[in-house]
Amino acid sequence: MRQTLLAQHASLMQKLRRLNSTLSEDVMALARLWQLQAKMAAVGGAGAYDARLDRVIRARGALEDAACKALALVDSYSRIASMIEIEVEMGASVPREGVADIEREIEELADAEALQAQWQGQVEAEDELERLLRQ
């Protein structure tokens, strides 16, 4: 049981590092979008950048939603990693119920990851469609 928990912990920590990296990139992209939106608003004028500003606002909103979902996953990963650490530190005789609870939590996270991946694919497809329509 202990080895299973340690393997799950290592897997969670790897996912957490990847997610943190992606989240960091998203935050930098959000900062650029906010700056771009501020510049467009400052230049403004009657309809000068209305269409572009609308695209920037939609992109920023989608990225903010993705970042919020990623933060929720980070919180869940951290909580489950802590649960595993507690079970391992409790001693060599980890009860099967504790492992079953952790495994259930990991399965729920896998479902959430699948939904996030599906949502991300949908956003990318919509972006590609928008690019094609602009051309």
N, C-alpha and C. Protein backbone atom coordinates (compact mmCIF):
# COMPACT_ATOMS: atom_id res chain seq x y z
N MET A 1 0.82 -1.19 0.00
CA MET A 1 0.00 0.00 0.00
C MET A 1 0.87 1.26 0.00
N ARG A 2 1.90 1.22 0.80
CA ARG A 2 2.78 2.38 0.92
C ARG A 2 3.43 2.71 -0.41
N GLN A 3 3.89 1.70 -1.13
CA GLN A 3 4.51 1.92 -2.44
C GLN A 3 3.50 2.50 -3.43
N THR A 4 2.28 2.02 -3.38
CA THR A 4 1.23 2.53 -4.26
C THR A 4 1.00 4.01 -3.98
N LEU A 5 0.92 4.35 -2.69
CA LEU A 5 0.71 5.74 -2.31
C LEU A 5 1.88 6.63 -2.76
N LEU A 6 3.08 6.13 -2.58
CA LEU A 6 4.25 6.92 -2.98
C LEU A 6 4.29 7.12 -4.50
N ALA A 7 3.90 6.09 -5.25
CA ALA A 7 3.85 6.22 -6.71
C ALA A 7 2.78 7.24 -7.11
N GLN A 8 1.64 7.21 -6.45
CA GLN A 8 0.58 8.18 -6.74
C GLN A 8 1.04 9.60 -6.38
N HIS A 9 1.76 9.71 -5.28
CA HIS A 9 2.27 11.02 -4.87
C HIS A 9 3.24 11.57 -5.91
N ALA A 10 4.13 10.74 -6.38
CA ALA A 10 5.09 11.18 -7.40
C ALA A 10 4.37 11.62 -8.67
N SER A 11 3.36 10.88 -9.06
CA SER A 11 2.58 11.23 -10.24
C SER A 11 1.86 12.57 -10.05
N LEU A 12 1.26 12.74 -8.88
CA LEU A 12 0.57 14.00 -8.59
C LEU A 12 1.52 15.19 -8.60
N MET A 13 2.69 15.00 -8.04
CA MET A 13 3.66 16.10 -7.99
C MET A 13 4.13 16.47 -9.40
N GLN A 14 4.29 15.48 -10.26
CA GLN A 14 4.68 15.76 -11.65
C GLN A 14 3.56 16.54 -12.36
N LYS A 15 2.32 16.13 -12.16
CA LYS A 15 1.19 16.85 -12.76
C LYS A 15 1.11 18.26 -12.20
N LEU A 16 1.37 18.41 -10.92
CA LEU A 16 1.33 19.72 -10.29
C LEU A 16 2.39 20.65 -10.87
N ARG A 17 3.59 20.14 -11.11
CA ARG A 17 4.64 20.96 -11.73
C ARG A 17 4.26 21.40 -13.14
N ARG A 18 3.70 20.45 -13.93
CA ARG A 18 3.26 20.80 -15.28
C ARG A 18 2.15 21.84 -15.26
N LEU A 19 1.21 21.65 -14.37
CA LEU A 19 0.08 22.58 -14.26
C LEU A 19 0.56 23.96 -13.83
N ASN A 20 1.49 24.02 -12.89
CA ASN A 20 2.04 25.30 -12.45
C ASN A 20 2.75 26.02 -13.59
N SER A 21 3.46 25.27 -14.41
CA SER A 21 4.14 25.86 -15.56
C SER A 21 3.13 26.43 -16.55
N THR A 22 2.09 25.67 -16.85
CA THR A 22 1.05 26.13 -17.77
C THR A 22 0.34 27.35 -17.20
N LEU A 23 0.06 27.30 -15.92
CA LEU A 23 -0.62 28.41 -15.26
C LEU A 23 0.24 29.67 -15.30
N SER A 24 1.52 29.53 -15.13
CA SER A 24 2.43 30.67 -15.20
C SER A 24 2.39 31.30 -16.61
N GLU A 25 2.39 30.46 -17.63
CA GLU A 25 2.31 30.97 -19.00
C GLU A 25 0.98 31.68 -19.24
N ASP A 26 -0.10 31.12 -18.71
CA ASP A 26 -1.42 31.74 -18.85
C ASP A 26 -1.47 33.10 -18.18
N VAL A 27 -0.85 33.21 -17.01
CA VAL A 27 -0.85 34.49 -16.29
C VAL A 27 -0.07 35.54 -17.08
N MET A 28 1.04 35.15 -17.68
CA MET A 28 1.80 36.10 -18.50
C MET A 28 1.00 36.52 -19.73
N ALA A 29 0.30 35.58 -20.34
CA ALA A 29 -0.54 35.91 -21.49
C ALA A 29 -1.68 36.85 -21.07
N LEU A 30 -2.25 36.60 -19.90
CA LEU A 30 -3.31 37.48 -19.38
C LEU A 30 -2.78 38.90 -19.18
N ALA A 31 -1.59 39.02 -18.66
CA ALA A 31 -1.00 40.35 -18.45
C ALA A 31 -0.84 41.07 -19.79
N ARG A 32 -0.38 40.35 -20.80
CA ARG A 32 -0.23 40.97 -22.13
C ARG A 32 -1.58 41.40 -22.69
N LEU A 33 -2.60 40.55 -22.50
CA LEU A 33 -3.94 40.91 -22.99
C LEU A 33 -4.50 42.13 -22.25
N TRP A 34 -4.28 42.22 -20.96
CA TRP A 34 -4.75 43.38 -20.21
C TRP A 34 -4.04 44.64 -20.70
N GLN A 35 -2.74 44.55 -20.95
CA GLN A 35 -1.99 45.70 -21.46
C GLN A 35 -2.50 46.11 -22.83
N LEU A 36 -2.72 45.13 -23.68
CA LEU A 36 -3.22 45.41 -25.02
C LEU A 36 -4.60 46.06 -24.95
N GLN A 37 -5.45 45.56 -24.08
CA GLN A 37 -6.78 46.14 -23.93
C GLN A 37 -6.67 47.59 -23.46
N ALA A 38 -5.79 47.88 -22.52
CA ALA A 38 -5.62 49.24 -22.02
C ALA A 38 -5.12 50.17 -23.12
N LYS A 39 -4.18 49.70 -23.93
CA LYS A 39 -3.67 50.51 -25.04
C LYS A 39 -4.77 50.81 -26.05
N MET A 40 -5.56 49.78 -26.38
CA MET A 40 -6.64 49.98 -27.34
C MET A 40 -7.68 50.97 -26.80
N ALA A 41 -7.98 50.86 -25.54
CA ALA A 41 -8.95 51.77 -24.92
C ALA A 41 -8.41 53.19 -24.90
N ALA A 42 -7.09 53.33 -24.67
CA ALA A 42 -6.48 54.66 -24.63
C ALA A 42 -6.48 55.31 -26.01
N VAL A 43 -6.20 54.53 -27.03
CA VAL A 43 -6.19 55.05 -28.40
C VAL A 43 -7.62 55.30 -28.85
N GLY A 44 -8.46 54.33 -28.55
CA GLY A 44 -9.90 54.41 -28.73
C GLY A 44 -10.37 55.16 -29.95
N GLY A 45 -11.26 56.05 -29.71
CA GLY A 45 -11.90 56.75 -30.81
C GLY A 45 -13.18 56.02 -31.17
N ALA A 46 -13.91 56.60 -32.06
CA ALA A 46 -15.20 56.04 -32.47
C ALA A 46 -15.00 54.81 -33.34
N GLY A 47 -14.98 53.65 -32.72
CA GLY A 47 -14.92 52.39 -33.46
C GLY A 47 -13.56 52.03 -34.03
N ALA A 48 -12.51 52.74 -33.65
CA ALA A 48 -11.20 52.47 -34.23
C ALA A 48 -10.74 51.04 -33.97
N TYR A 49 -10.91 50.58 -32.76
CA TYR A 49 -10.46 49.23 -32.40
C TYR A 49 -11.57 48.38 -31.81
N ASP A 50 -12.80 48.71 -32.08
CA ASP A 50 -13.92 48.00 -31.45
C ASP A 50 -13.88 46.50 -31.71
N ALA A 51 -13.69 46.10 -32.97
CA ALA A 51 -13.69 44.67 -33.31
C ALA A 51 -12.51 43.96 -32.65
N ARG A 52 -11.35 44.57 -32.72
CA ARG A 52 -10.17 43.96 -32.11
C ARG A 52 -10.29 43.94 -30.59
N LEU A 53 -10.80 45.00 -30.04
CA LEU A 53 -10.99 45.07 -28.59
C LEU A 53 -11.93 43.97 -28.12
N ASP A 54 -12.98 43.73 -28.88
CA ASP A 54 -13.93 42.66 -28.55
C ASP A 54 -13.23 41.30 -28.55
N ARG A 55 -12.37 41.06 -29.54
CA ARG A 55 -11.63 39.78 -29.60
C ARG A 55 -10.69 39.65 -28.41
N VAL A 56 -10.03 40.74 -28.06
CA VAL A 56 -9.11 40.70 -26.92
C VAL A 56 -9.87 40.41 -25.63
N ILE A 57 -11.03 41.02 -25.47
CA ILE A 57 -11.83 40.81 -24.26
C ILE A 57 -12.31 39.36 -24.19
N ARG A 58 -12.74 38.81 -25.32
CA ARG A 58 -13.19 37.40 -25.32
C ARG A 58 -12.03 36.46 -25.02
N ALA A 59 -10.87 36.73 -25.63
CA ALA A 59 -9.70 35.89 -25.39
C ALA A 59 -9.28 35.97 -23.93
N ARG A 60 -9.30 37.17 -23.38
CA ARG A 60 -8.94 37.35 -21.98
C ARG A 60 -9.91 36.61 -21.06
N GLY A 61 -11.18 36.67 -21.37
CA GLY A 61 -12.18 35.97 -20.57
C GLY A 61 -11.98 34.47 -20.60
N ALA A 62 -11.71 33.94 -21.80
CA ALA A 62 -11.47 32.49 -21.92
C ALA A 62 -10.23 32.08 -21.14
N LEU A 63 -9.20 32.90 -21.23
CA LEU A 63 -7.96 32.60 -20.51
C LEU A 63 -8.15 32.70 -19.00
N GLU A 64 -8.94 33.66 -18.55
CA GLU A 64 -9.23 33.78 -17.12
C GLU A 64 -10.00 32.56 -16.62
N ASP A 65 -10.96 32.09 -17.42
CA ASP A 65 -11.71 30.89 -17.03
C ASP A 65 -10.78 29.68 -16.92
N ALA A 66 -9.89 29.55 -17.91
CA ALA A 66 -8.94 28.43 -17.89
C ALA A 66 -8.03 28.52 -16.67
N ALA A 67 -7.58 29.72 -16.35
CA ALA A 67 -6.70 29.91 -15.19
C ALA A 67 -7.43 29.57 -13.89
N CYS A 68 -8.70 29.95 -13.80
CA CYS A 68 -9.48 29.62 -12.59
C CYS A 68 -9.63 28.11 -12.43
N LYS A 69 -9.90 27.42 -13.53
CA LYS A 69 -10.02 25.97 -13.48
C LYS A 69 -8.69 25.33 -13.11
N ALA A 70 -7.60 25.86 -13.66
CA ALA A 70 -6.27 25.34 -13.33
C ALA A 70 -5.95 25.55 -11.86
N LEU A 71 -6.32 26.70 -11.32
CA LEU A 71 -6.10 26.95 -9.89
C LEU A 71 -6.88 25.97 -9.02
N ALA A 72 -8.09 25.65 -9.44
CA ALA A 72 -8.88 24.67 -8.69
C ALA A 72 -8.20 23.30 -8.73
N LEU A 73 -7.63 22.94 -9.89
CA LEU A 73 -6.91 21.67 -9.98
C LEU A 73 -5.66 21.68 -9.11
N VAL A 74 -4.94 22.81 -9.09
CA VAL A 74 -3.75 22.92 -8.24
C VAL A 74 -4.14 22.70 -6.78
N ASP A 75 -5.23 23.31 -6.37
CA ASP A 75 -5.70 23.13 -5.00
C ASP A 75 -6.03 21.67 -4.71
N SER A 76 -6.71 21.02 -5.65
CA SER A 76 -7.07 19.61 -5.46
C SER A 76 -5.84 18.72 -5.42
N TYR A 77 -4.90 18.95 -6.34
CA TYR A 77 -3.66 18.16 -6.34
C TYR A 77 -2.93 18.33 -5.02
N SER A 78 -2.83 19.56 -4.54
CA SER A 78 -2.11 19.81 -3.29
C SER A 78 -2.79 19.12 -2.12
N ARG A 79 -4.11 19.18 -2.10
CA ARG A 79 -4.86 18.54 -1.00
C ARG A 79 -4.65 17.04 -1.01
N ILE A 80 -4.73 16.42 -2.19
CA ILE A 80 -4.56 14.96 -2.27
C ILE A 80 -3.12 14.57 -1.95
N ALA A 81 -2.15 15.38 -2.42
CA ALA A 81 -0.75 15.09 -2.09
C ALA A 81 -0.55 15.14 -0.57
N SER A 82 -1.18 16.08 0.08
CA SER A 82 -1.09 16.17 1.55
C SER A 82 -1.74 14.96 2.20
N MET A 83 -2.86 14.51 1.66
CA MET A 83 -3.53 13.31 2.21
C MET A 83 -2.59 12.11 2.10
N ILE A 84 -1.93 11.97 0.96
CA ILE A 84 -1.01 10.85 0.78
C ILE A 84 0.14 10.95 1.76
N GLU A 85 0.70 12.15 1.90
CA GLU A 85 1.81 12.34 2.84
C GLU A 85 1.39 11.97 4.26
N ILE A 86 0.19 12.35 4.65
CA ILE A 86 -0.31 12.02 5.99
C ILE A 86 -0.41 10.51 6.16
N GLU A 87 -0.99 9.84 5.17
CA GLU A 87 -1.16 8.38 5.26
C GLU A 87 0.20 7.68 5.34
N VAL A 88 1.16 8.15 4.56
CA VAL A 88 2.49 7.52 4.57
C VAL A 88 3.17 7.77 5.91
N GLU A 89 3.05 8.99 6.46
CA GLU A 89 3.68 9.32 7.73
C GLU A 89 3.02 8.62 8.92
N MET A 90 1.77 8.21 8.75
CA MET A 90 1.05 7.55 9.84
C MET A 90 1.67 6.18 10.16
N GLY A 91 2.38 5.63 9.25
CA GLY A 91 3.03 4.35 9.53
C GLY A 91 2.91 3.39 8.38
N ALA A 92 3.51 2.27 8.57
CA ALA A 92 3.57 1.25 7.52
C ALA A 92 2.22 0.61 7.27
N SER A 93 1.35 0.60 8.26
CA SER A 93 0.07 -0.07 8.09
C SER A 93 -1.01 0.93 7.69
N VAL A 94 -1.00 1.26 6.42
CA VAL A 94 -2.00 2.18 5.89
C VAL A 94 -3.28 1.40 5.66
N PRO A 95 -4.39 1.82 6.25
CA PRO A 95 -5.64 1.08 6.05
C PRO A 95 -6.12 1.17 4.59
N ARG A 96 -6.72 0.11 4.16
CA ARG A 96 -7.22 0.04 2.79
C ARG A 96 -8.26 1.13 2.51
N GLU A 97 -9.02 1.51 3.55
CA GLU A 97 -10.04 2.55 3.37
C GLU A 97 -9.38 3.89 3.02
N GLY A 98 -8.27 4.19 3.66
CA GLY A 98 -7.55 5.44 3.38
C GLY A 98 -7.06 5.48 1.94
N VAL A 99 -6.54 4.36 1.48
CA VAL A 99 -6.06 4.27 0.10
C VAL A 99 -7.24 4.38 -0.86
N ALA A 100 -8.35 3.75 -0.53
CA ALA A 100 -9.53 3.80 -1.40
C ALA A 100 -10.06 5.23 -1.51
N ASP A 101 -10.05 5.96 -0.40
CA ASP A 101 -10.50 7.36 -0.45
C ASP A 101 -9.59 8.19 -1.35
N ILE A 102 -8.30 7.98 -1.21
CA ILE A 102 -7.34 8.72 -2.02
C ILE A 102 -7.48 8.35 -3.50
N GLU A 103 -7.64 7.07 -3.77
CA GLU A 103 -7.82 6.64 -5.15
C GLU A 103 -9.09 7.22 -5.76
N ARG A 104 -10.15 7.32 -4.97
CA ARG A 104 -11.39 7.92 -5.45
C ARG A 104 -11.17 9.40 -5.78
N GLU A 105 -10.46 10.09 -4.91
CA GLU A 105 -10.14 11.51 -5.15
C GLU A 105 -9.31 11.67 -6.43
N ILE A 106 -8.36 10.77 -6.64
CA ILE A 106 -7.52 10.83 -7.84
C ILE A 106 -8.36 10.59 -9.08
N GLU A 107 -9.29 9.65 -9.01
CA GLU A 107 -10.18 9.40 -10.15
C GLU A 107 -11.03 10.62 -10.46
N GLU A 108 -11.53 11.29 -9.42
CA GLU A 108 -12.31 12.50 -9.63
C GLU A 108 -11.46 13.58 -10.29
N LEU A 109 -10.20 13.67 -9.88
CA LEU A 109 -9.29 14.64 -10.50
C LEU A 109 -9.04 14.28 -11.96
N ALA A 110 -8.91 13.01 -12.25
CA ALA A 110 -8.71 12.58 -13.64
C ALA A 110 -9.90 12.98 -14.49
N ASP A 111 -11.11 12.85 -13.93
CA ASP A 111 -12.31 13.28 -14.65
C ASP A 111 -12.27 14.79 -14.90
N ALA A 112 -11.87 15.54 -13.88
CA ALA A 112 -11.78 16.99 -14.02
C ALA A 112 -10.73 17.37 -15.06
N GLU A 113 -9.60 16.64 -15.08
CA GLU A 113 -8.56 16.90 -16.08
C GLU A 113 -9.09 16.63 -17.48
N ALA A 114 -9.85 15.57 -17.63
CA ALA A 114 -10.41 15.23 -18.95
C ALA A 114 -11.37 16.32 -19.42
N LEU A 115 -12.19 16.82 -18.50
CA LEU A 115 -13.09 17.91 -18.86
C LEU A 115 -12.32 19.17 -19.23
N GLN A 116 -11.25 19.46 -18.49
CA GLN A 116 -10.45 20.63 -18.80
C GLN A 116 -9.77 20.48 -20.15
N ALA A 117 -9.26 19.30 -20.45
CA ALA A 117 -8.63 19.07 -21.75
C ALA A 117 -9.65 19.21 -22.88
N GLN A 118 -10.85 18.71 -22.66
CA GLN A 118 -11.91 18.83 -23.65
C GLN A 118 -12.27 20.30 -23.85
N TRP A 119 -12.38 21.04 -22.76
CA TRP A 119 -12.71 22.45 -22.83
C TRP A 119 -11.62 23.22 -23.56
N GLN A 120 -10.35 22.90 -23.26
CA GLN A 120 -9.22 23.55 -23.92
C GLN A 120 -9.22 23.26 -25.40
N GLY A 121 -9.53 22.04 -25.79
CA GLY A 121 -9.63 21.68 -27.20
C GLY A 121 -10.72 22.46 -27.90
N GLN A 122 -11.82 22.66 -27.21
CA GLN A 122 -12.93 23.42 -27.79
C GLN A 122 -12.53 24.88 -27.97
N VAL A 123 -11.83 25.46 -27.01
CA VAL A 123 -11.37 26.84 -27.12
C VAL A 123 -10.40 26.98 -28.29
N GLU A 124 -9.48 26.03 -28.43
CA GLU A 124 -8.52 26.08 -29.53
C GLU A 124 -9.22 25.95 -30.88
N ALA A 125 -10.23 25.09 -30.94
CA ALA A 125 -10.98 24.93 -32.19
C ALA A 125 -11.73 26.22 -32.53
N GLU A 126 -12.32 26.87 -31.53
CA GLU A 126 -13.01 28.13 -31.78
C GLU A 126 -12.04 29.21 -32.23
N ASP A 127 -10.85 29.25 -31.64
CA ASP A 127 -9.83 30.21 -32.06
C ASP A 127 -9.42 29.98 -33.51
N GLU A 128 -9.23 28.72 -33.86
CA GLU A 128 -8.84 28.39 -35.23
C GLU A 128 -9.95 28.77 -36.21
N LEU A 129 -11.17 28.51 -35.86
CA LEU A 129 -12.30 28.88 -36.71
C LEU A 129 -12.36 30.39 -36.89
N GLU A 130 -12.14 31.13 -35.81
CA GLU A 130 -12.14 32.59 -35.91
C GLU A 130 -11.02 33.08 -36.82
N ARG A 131 -9.84 32.46 -36.72
CA ARG A 131 -8.73 32.85 -37.61
C ARG A 131 -9.07 32.58 -39.07
N LEU A 132 -9.68 31.43 -39.32
CA LEU A 132 -10.06 31.09 -40.69
C LEU A 132 -11.12 32.06 -41.23
N LEU A 133 -12.07 32.43 -40.40
CA LEU A 133 -13.12 33.35 -40.84
C LEU A 133 -12.56 34.74 -41.12
N ARG A 134 -11.54 35.15 -40.38
CA ARG A 134 -10.92 36.45 -40.62
C ARG A 134 -10.15 36.49 -41.94
N GLN A 135 -9.64 35.34 -42.36
CA GLN A 135 -8.88 35.29 -43.61
C GLN A 135 -9.85 35.25 -44.76
